Amino acid sequence: MSERPGHSYKCATAVRSLEKGALRHLLCRRFIAMLTALERQASISSQTRQSLSECHDCGLIQRLPRADEQASVLVCQRCGATLRQVRASSLALCTICATSGLVLFVLALSLPAVSVWMQGGRYGRSDLLTGPARLRQSGFWELGLATLATLIVLPLLKLVTVLTMAICVRAGRVPRVLKACFAALPTLTEWAMVDVFLLGAMIALFRLKVWMVVSFGPALFALGGSALCSIAVDAALDRFVFWRLVPLRAPVPEAEPSLPAQTSSPATWFGCSGCGRVARLPEGAECRRCECRVHARKPNMMQRTTALIAAAALLAIPANLLPVMSITKLGRGGPSTILGGTVELAQAGLWGLAGLVLVASVCVPVFKLGALSYLLLSIRRGSRAGLLFRTRLYRVVALIGRWSMIDIFATMMLVALARFGWLGSVRPGLGATAFCGVVALTMWASKSFDPRLIWDAAGLNPPLESTAEPLNPGGEAGDTDAPRWVTA
C-alpha cells in the first residue's frame, strides 16, 4: 500500500523540525558544559596551587579548605572575615544579571521618573538626568557632579565591568584596563548608590505629596529592577573563579628599569589587594595577574586617614549649621537645615522617615568620625585589647557610610521637581555641599584605613619566612617553597 505524497511531506517536515530542536538543545548543553568546565578549571586548584589567601581584615595568611558545597562562604579562622564567596555557575549568573541590569538601566535613562501637578494647572516632569542638570544650573556643580557619578556613571561602570570581564575571561584575553576596573569592583560597588538614591527619592516624594500631586514614572521601577540585578551580581559573584581564568603575565626581570625603587627590598609573602593572589614579591612590585602594585600594607595609612578625618570634622560644622535647601510655598518659606527637614517630616506625621533621615544624616557621620578616630588612637597606642571588636567596628563603619547620601539625593529630587516660582520651589544651599563633602571624606577615610594594622600593632603578624628560595621570582603560593605562617 503506497503512502500519500502529502503524508510523506508532513513526515519530512516533522523530522526536520525535530532535528533543528535537537541541534538547538545540543548547542545549549554544550554552552552550559563549556561554562561549567571553565568554572571547574578555576575551582580545581583549591587543593593545589593558589590555595593560600590573605585576610585583608587581620592580615593572616591561611590555606583555603576545599569548598565542596555549590554555595558556601570561606571565612578567616581568626577574625571571621569573608575570604571567598563560593558560587555555582558564577560566570553564567553574573553574565545574565549584568546584562539584565544594563538593559533596565538604559530603559530607566530614557523614561520619565516622576511627574508633579500643582493647583492652577502647573505641571512638571523629571528624569534621572534632570536632577544633576538642575543642580549645575543652580550654581552647585559639585553636587551635580557627585550625584551624576554615584547615580549613573559608577553603577553603569560596575555592570559593564562585570559583563565585559565575564566575556573576556572566556576568550582568554583580558585588557589591562579591564583588570584594573575588576580589581576596583569593591570600590565601585560601594560608590554605586542606586539603592541609596531610591530611598532618598522616596523621602523627597513623600515631602512633595503634602503640597503637590505626585505620580511615579516607569523609570523608577526600571531603576529598581536594575538595582536588584546589581545586588544579584554581588550575590552570584565568585571573584576567585574570574581571576583564576586570567592568565599570569610572564615574570619581569629584576633589572628592568620600569620597576620602582622599592622592588629592591627583600621579597616577602603577602596577598594582592586587587585579585587576592598570594605570592612572594618585593614591596611595590606588580602582581602578575591583575598588574596592580602590591604593598604589604596601605602606604601612609595613618597620615592619610588622619587628614581625611580632620577635614571631614571641619566640614561637619557648616554642614549642620548652614541650610541644605531653601523652600518656598505660596510665597512663604525659608532656609531649611538637616535638623529642620527632620522636624518637618515629623510634623507631617512621617515619623519613620524622620527617624531615618536623623540617623543617616546626623548619627552616622558622627559615629564614623568617632569610630575611625578611636581605631587610629588604638593603633598608635599599640593596644592588644578588643582586637575582634575593633575589626568588626571597622566593618560596620565601612558598611553604613554610603547611606548618608540619602539627604543629598532627596535634595536633588526636590530641586528637580519643585520649580514653580512663588507657588512652590526648592533651591539647594551651601549646607548640602558641605554635607556631601563630609560623606565623601568619611568614605575615603574608611577606604584608606587598613584594619590589618590593628593586628600588626598587637604583634600578631610577624613577617613570613620561606622554607626555601622560590624557584622563580614571584612564584605562586602553594609550590614547594610554601611559607610557614603563624596561626591564631
Protein backbone atom coordinates (compact mmCIF):
# COMPACT_ATOMS: atom_id res chain seq x y z
CA MET A 1 0.00 0.00 0.00
CA SER A 2 1.62 3.26 -1.14
CA GLU A 3 1.86 6.35 1.08
CA ARG A 4 0.21 9.59 0.10
CA PRO A 5 2.56 12.38 -1.07
CA GLY A 6 1.14 14.90 1.42
CA HIS A 7 1.71 12.50 4.27
CA SER A 8 5.37 11.99 3.27
CA TYR A 9 5.90 15.76 3.10
CA LYS A 10 4.48 16.24 6.60
CA CYS A 11 6.67 13.47 7.96
CA ALA A 12 9.78 15.03 6.40
CA THR A 13 8.86 18.47 7.82
CA ALA A 14 8.36 16.99 11.29
CA VAL A 15 11.72 15.20 11.09
CA ARG A 16 13.49 18.44 10.10
CA SER A 17 11.82 20.31 12.96
CA LEU A 18 12.91 17.63 15.40
CA GLU A 19 16.45 17.79 14.05
CA LYS A 20 16.55 21.59 14.47
CA GLY A 21 15.20 21.35 18.01
CA ALA A 22 17.73 18.65 18.87
CA LEU A 23 20.52 20.79 17.40
CA ARG A 24 19.49 23.82 19.47
CA HIS A 25 19.24 21.65 22.58
CA LEU A 26 22.69 20.21 21.87
CA LEU A 27 24.22 23.66 21.39
CA CYS A 28 22.70 24.91 24.67
CA ARG A 29 24.01 21.86 26.50
CA ARG A 30 27.48 22.35 25.05
CA PHE A 31 27.47 26.05 26.00
CA ILE A 32 26.47 25.24 29.59
CA ALA A 33 29.04 22.43 29.69
CA MET A 34 31.73 24.86 28.49
CA LEU A 35 30.87 27.33 31.28
CA THR A 36 30.84 24.54 33.85
CA ALA A 37 34.22 23.27 32.63
CA LEU A 38 35.71 26.75 32.88
CA GLU A 39 34.47 27.19 36.44
CA ARG A 40 35.62 23.67 37.39
CA GLN A 41 39.03 24.51 35.97
CA ALA A 42 39.09 27.65 38.12
CA SER A 43 37.95 25.82 41.24
CA ILE A 44 40.09 22.71 40.89
CA SER A 45 43.11 24.47 42.36
CA SER A 46 41.59 24.60 45.85
CA GLN A 47 43.92 21.77 46.89
CA THR A 48 46.90 22.59 44.67
CA ARG A 49 48.31 25.94 43.60
CA GLN A 50 46.85 29.26 44.76
CA SER A 51 45.33 27.65 47.86
CA LEU A 52 46.58 30.44 50.12
CA SER A 53 44.68 33.58 50.92
CA GLU A 54 45.49 36.66 52.95
CA CYS A 55 42.74 38.08 55.11
CA HIS A 56 42.51 41.80 54.32
CA ASP A 57 40.96 42.48 57.73
CA CYS A 58 43.55 40.90 60.02
CA GLY A 59 46.49 40.03 57.70
CA LEU A 60 46.58 36.29 58.46
CA ILE A 61 47.74 34.12 55.54
CA GLN A 62 45.97 30.78 55.59
CA ARG A 63 45.24 27.84 53.35
CA LEU A 64 41.75 27.72 51.92
CA PRO A 65 39.87 24.46 52.56
CA ARG A 66 38.20 22.63 49.72
CA ALA A 67 34.74 24.05 49.03
CA ASP A 68 32.56 21.03 48.22
CA GLU A 69 29.26 22.90 48.52
CA GLN A 70 27.90 24.70 45.49
CA ALA A 71 27.13 27.81 47.56
CA SER A 72 29.26 28.48 50.61
CA VAL A 73 31.42 31.14 52.23
CA LEU A 74 35.00 30.61 53.36
CA VAL A 75 35.85 32.80 56.34
CA CYS A 76 39.03 33.74 58.15
CA GLN A 77 39.80 31.42 61.05
CA ARG A 78 40.97 34.36 63.18
CA CYS A 79 38.63 37.34 62.59
CA GLY A 80 35.73 35.80 60.64
CA ALA A 81 36.13 37.97 57.52
CA THR A 82 34.95 36.55 54.20
CA LEU A 83 37.88 35.13 52.20
CA ARG A 84 35.91 33.66 49.34
CA GLN A 85 32.28 33.55 48.29
CA VAL A 86 31.81 30.19 46.56
CA ARG A 87 29.02 30.25 43.99
CA ALA A 88 27.93 27.65 41.44
CA SER A 89 27.76 28.86 37.82
CA SER A 90 29.12 32.25 38.81
CA LEU A 91 30.15 33.19 35.26
CA ALA A 92 26.76 32.42 33.74
CA LEU A 93 24.74 34.03 36.54
CA CYS A 94 26.84 37.20 36.56
CA THR A 95 26.52 37.49 32.77
CA ILE A 96 22.73 37.16 32.90
CA CYS A 97 22.27 39.54 35.85
CA ALA A 98 24.67 42.18 34.48
CA THR A 99 23.03 42.10 31.05
CA SER A 100 19.56 42.42 32.55
CA GLY A 101 20.71 45.26 34.79
CA LEU A 102 22.19 47.17 31.85
CA VAL A 103 19.02 46.80 29.79
CA LEU A 104 16.87 48.05 32.67
CA PHE A 105 19.27 50.92 33.36
CA VAL A 106 19.12 52.09 29.73
CA LEU A 107 15.32 51.97 29.93
CA ALA A 108 15.40 54.00 33.15
CA LEU A 109 17.52 56.68 31.47
CA SER A 110 15.12 57.01 28.55
CA LEU A 111 11.83 57.09 30.51
CA PRO A 112 10.31 59.73 32.84
CA ALA A 113 10.87 59.18 36.55
CA VAL A 114 8.35 61.42 38.34
CA SER A 115 5.57 63.84 37.36
CA VAL A 116 4.02 66.51 39.65
CA TRP A 117 0.95 68.78 39.38
CA MET A 118 0.04 71.89 41.33
CA GLN A 119 -3.17 73.91 41.55
CA GLY A 120 -3.67 76.14 38.55
CA GLY A 121 -2.56 73.53 36.03
CA ARG A 122 1.17 73.76 36.79
CA TYR A 123 2.92 70.58 35.65
CA GLY A 124 6.49 69.29 35.93
CA ARG A 125 8.30 66.13 34.96
CA SER A 126 11.75 64.79 35.81
CA ASP A 127 14.01 62.02 34.58
CA LEU A 128 17.24 60.69 36.04
CA LEU A 129 19.37 63.33 34.33
CA THR A 130 17.20 66.28 35.37
CA GLY A 131 18.42 66.39 38.98
CA PRO A 132 22.17 66.74 38.26
CA ALA A 133 21.41 69.25 35.49
CA ARG A 134 19.25 71.42 37.80
CA LEU A 135 21.93 71.39 40.48
CA ARG A 136 24.51 72.56 37.96
CA GLN A 137 22.18 75.30 36.69
CA SER A 138 21.67 76.48 40.28
CA GLY A 139 25.43 77.02 40.64
CA PHE A 140 26.10 73.87 42.67
CA TRP A 141 28.14 71.97 40.10
CA GLU A 142 29.87 69.97 42.83
CA LEU A 143 26.57 68.43 43.89
CA GLY A 144 25.61 67.83 40.27
CA LEU A 145 28.89 66.04 39.59
CA ALA A 146 28.62 63.93 42.76
CA THR A 147 25.05 62.83 42.06
CA LEU A 148 25.77 62.15 38.38
CA ALA A 149 28.76 59.97 39.27
CA THR A 150 27.12 57.96 42.07
CA LEU A 151 23.72 57.58 40.40
CA ILE A 152 24.58 56.96 36.74
CA VAL A 153 28.29 56.70 35.87
CA LEU A 154 29.57 54.32 38.55
CA PRO A 155 26.55 51.94 38.54
CA LEU A 156 26.85 51.63 34.76
CA LEU A 157 30.61 51.12 35.03
CA LYS A 158 30.11 48.34 37.58
CA LEU A 159 27.68 46.38 35.39
CA VAL A 160 29.76 46.93 32.24
CA THR A 161 32.91 45.77 34.08
CA VAL A 162 31.32 42.51 35.28
CA LEU A 163 29.78 41.74 31.88
CA THR A 164 32.96 42.55 29.93
CA MET A 165 35.12 40.57 32.35
CA ALA A 166 32.84 37.53 32.02
CA ILE A 167 33.17 37.72 28.22
CA CYS A 168 36.93 38.34 28.16
CA VAL A 169 37.85 35.52 30.56
CA ARG A 170 36.03 33.10 28.25
CA ALA A 171 38.01 34.49 25.32
CA GLY A 172 41.28 34.14 27.27
CA ARG A 173 42.38 37.77 26.77
CA VAL A 174 41.76 40.43 29.42
CA PRO A 175 42.97 44.01 28.74
CA ARG A 176 44.92 45.75 31.47
CA VAL A 177 42.33 48.48 31.96
CA LEU A 178 39.66 45.82 32.48
CA LYS A 179 41.85 44.12 35.08
CA ALA A 180 42.17 47.42 36.93
CA CYS A 181 38.40 48.01 36.82
CA PHE A 182 37.61 44.49 38.04
CA ALA A 183 40.21 44.80 40.81
CA ALA A 184 38.44 48.01 41.89
CA LEU A 185 35.00 46.35 41.81
CA PRO A 186 34.50 46.51 45.62
CA THR A 187 35.12 50.27 45.46
CA LEU A 188 32.74 50.63 42.51
CA THR A 189 30.08 48.70 44.44
CA GLU A 190 30.49 50.98 47.44
CA TRP A 191 30.16 54.19 45.40
CA ALA A 192 27.37 52.95 43.08
CA MET A 193 24.39 54.29 45.03
CA VAL A 194 21.27 53.42 43.07
CA ASP A 195 19.67 51.84 46.14
CA VAL A 196 20.52 54.90 48.25
CA PHE A 197 19.00 57.16 45.58
CA LEU A 198 15.74 55.20 45.53
CA LEU A 199 15.37 55.63 49.28
CA GLY A 200 16.23 59.34 49.09
CA ALA A 201 13.77 59.80 46.21
CA MET A 202 11.00 58.21 48.29
CA ILE A 203 11.70 60.67 51.12
CA ALA A 204 11.57 63.63 48.71
CA LEU A 205 8.35 62.45 47.06
CA PHE A 206 6.61 61.95 50.39
CA ARG A 207 7.53 65.52 51.30
CA LEU A 208 6.17 66.79 47.98
CA LYS A 209 2.88 64.92 48.36
CA VAL A 210 1.95 67.32 51.16
CA TRP A 211 1.54 70.21 48.67
CA MET A 212 1.62 68.61 45.19
CA VAL A 213 0.11 65.70 43.30
CA VAL A 214 2.90 63.19 42.65
CA SER A 215 2.88 60.43 40.02
CA PHE A 216 5.59 57.77 39.86
CA GLY A 217 7.06 57.18 36.41
CA PRO A 218 8.27 53.93 34.83
CA ALA A 219 11.92 54.96 35.20
CA LEU A 220 11.80 54.42 38.97
CA PHE A 221 10.53 50.87 38.52
CA ALA A 222 13.14 50.13 35.84
CA LEU A 223 15.84 51.59 38.07
CA GLY A 224 14.62 49.47 40.97
CA GLY A 225 14.87 46.38 38.76
CA SER A 226 18.41 47.38 37.76
CA ALA A 227 19.31 47.80 41.44
CA LEU A 228 18.01 44.28 42.15
CA CYS A 229 20.10 42.94 39.26
CA SER A 230 23.17 44.67 40.68
CA ILE A 231 22.51 43.08 44.08
CA ALA A 232 22.13 39.72 42.33
CA VAL A 233 25.52 40.24 40.68
CA ASP A 234 27.08 40.80 44.12
CA ALA A 235 25.39 37.65 45.43
CA ALA A 236 26.47 35.48 42.45
CA LEU A 237 29.99 36.87 42.02
CA ASP A 238 32.85 34.49 42.83
CA ARG A 239 35.95 36.60 42.23
CA PHE A 240 38.16 33.55 42.67
CA VAL A 241 36.61 31.94 39.56
CA PHE A 242 37.08 35.05 37.46
CA TRP A 243 40.70 35.67 38.45
CA ARG A 244 41.74 32.03 38.07
CA LEU A 245 40.81 32.26 34.38
CA VAL A 246 43.07 35.29 33.85
CA PRO A 247 46.48 34.11 32.58
CA LEU A 248 49.58 35.11 34.53
CA ARG A 249 51.90 37.61 32.94
CA ALA A 250 55.48 36.47 32.36
CA PRO A 251 57.89 37.39 35.20
CA VAL A 252 59.59 40.75 34.74
CA PRO A 253 63.40 40.67 35.02
CA GLU A 254 64.70 42.41 38.13
CA ALA A 255 66.97 44.64 36.10
CA GLU A 256 64.13 46.14 34.05
CA PRO A 257 64.05 49.92 34.67
CA SER A 258 60.24 50.10 34.79
CA LEU A 259 60.19 48.59 38.28
CA PRO A 260 60.13 51.14 41.13
CA ALA A 261 63.00 51.55 43.53
CA GLN A 262 61.11 49.73 46.32
CA THR A 263 61.35 46.40 44.48
CA SER A 264 64.98 46.12 45.53
CA SER A 265 63.71 45.33 49.03
CA PRO A 266 63.68 41.68 50.17
CA ALA A 267 60.78 39.60 48.89
CA THR A 268 58.13 38.51 51.36
CA TRP A 269 54.78 36.74 51.28
CA PHE A 270 51.61 38.80 51.08
CA GLY A 271 48.36 38.93 49.14
CA CYS A 272 47.44 41.24 46.30
CA SER A 273 44.57 43.56 47.23
CA GLY A 274 43.29 43.52 43.64
CA CYS A 275 42.98 39.82 42.76
CA GLY A 276 43.83 38.12 46.08
CA ARG A 277 46.82 36.22 44.67
CA VAL A 278 49.35 35.32 47.39
CA ALA A 279 52.95 35.40 46.19
CA ARG A 280 56.48 36.12 47.34
CA LEU A 281 57.20 39.56 45.88
CA PRO A 282 59.22 42.66 46.73
CA GLU A 283 57.37 45.66 48.10
CA GLY A 284 55.81 47.72 45.33
CA ALA A 285 56.18 45.10 42.58
CA GLU A 286 53.44 44.43 40.03
CA CYS A 287 51.11 41.49 40.52
CA ARG A 288 51.49 39.06 37.64
CA ARG A 289 47.75 38.52 37.37
CA CYS A 290 45.97 41.88 37.82
CA GLU A 291 49.08 44.05 37.20
CA CYS A 292 48.38 46.22 40.27
CA ARG A 293 51.14 47.41 42.57
CA VAL A 294 51.42 45.11 45.57
CA HIS A 295 52.06 46.52 49.04
CA ALA A 296 52.24 44.69 52.34
CA ARG A 297 50.12 47.46 53.88
CA LYS A 298 48.43 50.58 52.52
CA PRO A 299 51.16 53.24 52.18
CA ASN A 300 50.95 56.24 54.56
CA MET A 301 47.73 54.95 56.04
CA MET A 302 47.94 56.77 59.38
CA GLN A 303 48.72 60.19 57.90
CA ARG A 304 46.17 59.95 55.08
CA THR A 305 43.31 58.71 57.25
CA THR A 306 44.02 61.31 59.96
CA ALA A 307 43.97 64.13 57.40
CA LEU A 308 40.69 62.91 55.88
CA ILE A 309 39.02 62.62 59.30
CA ALA A 310 40.19 66.11 60.28
CA ALA A 311 38.87 67.60 57.03
CA ALA A 312 35.51 65.81 57.45
CA ALA A 313 35.19 67.06 61.06
CA LEU A 314 35.77 70.65 59.93
CA LEU A 315 33.19 70.37 57.14
CA ALA A 316 30.65 68.83 59.53
CA ILE A 317 30.25 72.22 61.28
CA PRO A 318 28.88 74.18 58.27
CA ALA A 319 27.04 71.04 57.08
CA ASN A 320 24.86 71.11 60.20
CA LEU A 321 24.61 74.88 60.67
CA LEU A 322 24.05 76.10 57.10
CA PRO A 323 20.78 75.40 55.23
CA VAL A 324 20.81 72.46 52.86
CA MET A 325 17.92 73.95 50.86
CA SER A 326 15.51 76.89 50.70
CA ILE A 327 11.83 76.01 50.34
CA THR A 328 9.14 78.37 49.04
CA LYS A 329 5.41 77.52 49.31
CA LEU A 330 2.85 80.08 48.07
CA GLY A 331 5.34 82.90 48.59
CA ARG A 332 6.28 81.78 52.10
CA GLY A 333 9.11 79.70 53.44
CA GLY A 334 12.79 79.97 54.03
CA PRO A 335 16.02 78.03 54.50
CA SER A 336 15.95 74.54 56.00
CA THR A 337 18.79 72.68 57.72
CA ILE A 338 19.21 68.93 58.15
CA LEU A 339 17.53 69.01 61.56
CA GLY A 340 14.84 71.33 60.18
CA GLY A 341 13.98 68.81 57.49
CA THR A 342 13.74 66.10 60.13
CA VAL A 343 11.34 68.22 62.19
CA GLU A 344 9.23 68.94 59.08
CA LEU A 345 8.87 65.22 58.36
CA ALA A 346 7.87 64.57 61.97
CA GLN A 347 5.28 67.36 61.89
CA ALA A 348 3.79 65.82 58.74
CA GLY A 349 3.33 62.56 60.62
CA LEU A 350 6.13 60.73 58.79
CA TRP A 351 7.92 59.61 61.95
CA GLY A 352 9.66 56.67 60.29
CA LEU A 353 11.17 58.83 57.54
CA ALA A 354 12.10 61.49 60.09
CA GLY A 355 13.99 58.92 62.17
CA LEU A 356 15.68 57.55 59.05
CA VAL A 357 16.90 61.00 57.98
CA LEU A 358 18.11 61.77 61.50
CA VAL A 359 20.08 58.54 61.74
CA ALA A 360 21.55 58.68 58.22
CA SER A 361 22.36 62.40 58.14
CA VAL A 362 23.38 63.13 61.74
CA CYS A 363 24.13 59.98 63.72
CA VAL A 364 26.02 58.03 61.03
CA PRO A 365 28.60 60.75 60.19
CA VAL A 366 29.26 61.43 63.88
CA PHE A 367 29.58 57.70 64.57
CA LYS A 368 32.01 57.23 61.67
CA LEU A 369 34.24 60.12 62.76
CA GLY A 370 34.32 58.88 66.35
CA ALA A 371 34.92 55.23 65.41
CA LEU A 372 37.76 55.95 62.96
CA SER A 373 39.42 58.29 65.48
CA TYR A 374 39.21 55.59 68.14
CA LEU A 375 40.72 52.99 65.79
CA LEU A 376 43.62 55.26 64.85
CA LEU A 377 44.31 56.07 68.51
CA SER A 378 44.29 52.40 69.48
CA ILE A 379 46.83 51.61 66.73
CA ARG A 380 49.12 54.42 67.86
CA ARG A 381 49.00 53.08 71.42
CA GLY A 382 49.68 49.51 70.26
CA SER A 383 46.65 48.18 72.14
CA ARG A 384 46.13 44.41 72.28
CA ALA A 385 42.65 44.60 73.78
CA GLY A 386 39.44 44.06 71.83
CA LEU A 387 41.03 43.08 68.50
CA LEU A 388 37.92 41.34 67.20
CA PHE A 389 35.68 44.16 68.43
CA ARG A 390 37.75 46.81 66.68
CA THR A 391 37.87 44.79 63.46
CA ARG A 392 34.09 44.38 63.47
CA LEU A 393 33.70 48.06 64.30
CA TYR A 394 35.64 48.92 61.16
CA ARG A 395 33.39 46.65 59.07
CA VAL A 396 30.32 48.49 60.40
CA VAL A 397 31.89 51.86 59.54
CA ALA A 398 32.70 50.71 56.00
CA LEU A 399 29.19 49.29 55.55
CA ILE A 400 27.00 52.21 56.67
CA GLY A 401 28.96 55.16 55.28
CA ARG A 402 27.30 55.36 51.87
CA TRP A 403 23.77 55.65 53.31
CA SER A 404 24.43 59.21 54.46
CA MET A 405 23.93 60.28 50.83
CA ILE A 406 20.17 59.89 51.32
CA ASP A 407 19.79 63.57 52.20
CA ILE A 408 21.75 64.67 49.10
CA PHE A 409 19.59 62.60 46.76
CA ALA A 410 16.41 63.84 48.47
CA THR A 411 17.57 67.44 47.94
CA MET A 412 18.33 66.69 44.29
CA MET A 413 14.82 65.32 43.68
CA LEU A 414 13.19 68.30 45.40
CA VAL A 415 15.22 70.75 43.32
CA ALA A 416 14.41 68.87 40.10
CA LEU A 417 10.63 68.75 40.69
CA ALA A 418 9.69 71.85 42.69
CA ARG A 419 10.39 74.68 40.22
CA PHE A 420 7.12 76.65 40.08
CA GLY A 421 8.40 80.01 41.33
CA TRP A 422 6.49 81.56 44.22
CA LEU A 423 3.90 78.78 44.12
CA GLY A 424 6.43 76.17 45.10
CA SER A 425 10.18 75.88 44.55
CA VAL A 426 13.28 74.44 46.19
CA ARG A 427 16.84 75.73 45.84
CA PRO A 428 19.95 73.96 47.18
CA GLY A 429 22.05 75.56 49.90
CA LEU A 430 25.70 75.62 50.94
CA GLY A 431 24.96 73.15 53.71
CA ALA A 432 24.23 70.47 51.11
CA THR A 433 27.65 70.95 49.50
CA ALA A 434 29.37 70.78 52.89
CA PHE A 435 27.42 67.68 53.88
CA CYS A 436 28.24 65.94 50.60
CA GLY A 437 31.90 66.68 51.33
CA VAL A 438 31.55 65.13 54.79
CA VAL A 439 30.07 61.93 53.31
CA ALA A 440 32.76 61.66 50.63
CA LEU A 441 35.65 62.35 53.03
CA THR A 442 34.45 59.84 55.63
CA MET A 443 34.01 57.19 52.92
CA TRP A 444 37.54 57.86 51.65
CA ALA A 445 38.83 57.73 55.22
CA SER A 446 37.27 54.32 55.84
CA LYS A 447 38.64 53.10 52.49
CA SER A 448 42.16 54.34 53.22
CA PHE A 449 42.15 52.78 56.71
CA ASP A 450 43.96 49.43 56.91
CA PRO A 451 42.47 47.18 59.65
CA ARG A 452 45.45 44.83 59.42
CA LEU A 453 47.44 47.42 61.37
CA ILE A 454 45.17 46.70 64.34
CA TRP A 455 46.68 43.22 64.48
CA ASP A 456 50.16 44.41 63.46
CA ALA A 457 50.27 46.83 66.38
CA ALA A 458 49.43 43.93 68.72
CA GLY A 459 52.40 41.94 67.34
CA LEU A 460 50.28 39.15 65.82
CA ASN A 461 51.50 39.45 62.22
CA PRO A 462 55.25 38.72 62.17
CA PRO A 463 56.98 38.65 58.74
CA LEU A 464 56.53 35.34 56.95
CA GLU A 465 59.55 33.21 56.23
CA SER A 466 60.14 30.77 53.36
CA THR A 467 61.34 27.21 53.76
CA ALA A 468 63.42 27.57 50.58
CA GLU A 469 64.24 30.07 47.89
CA PRO A 470 61.45 30.25 45.30
CA LEU A 471 62.06 28.55 42.01
CA ASN A 472 61.07 31.70 40.15
CA PRO A 473 60.67 35.27 41.38
CA GLY A 474 57.07 35.97 42.28
CA GLY A 475 56.12 32.29 42.19
CA GLU A 476 52.67 31.08 43.07
CA ALA A 477 51.81 30.26 46.63
CA GLY A 478 51.33 26.58 47.22
CA ASP A 479 54.58 25.43 45.49
CA THR A 480 57.41 23.66 47.30
CA ASP A 481 58.56 26.95 48.79
CA ALA A 482 55.35 27.38 50.80
CA PRO A 483 55.75 29.72 53.80
CA ARG A 484 55.43 28.94 57.46
CA TRP A 485 52.67 31.19 58.77
CA VAL A 486 51.65 31.88 62.31
CA THR A 487 48.19 30.61 63.18
CA ALA A 488 45.91 32.46 65.58
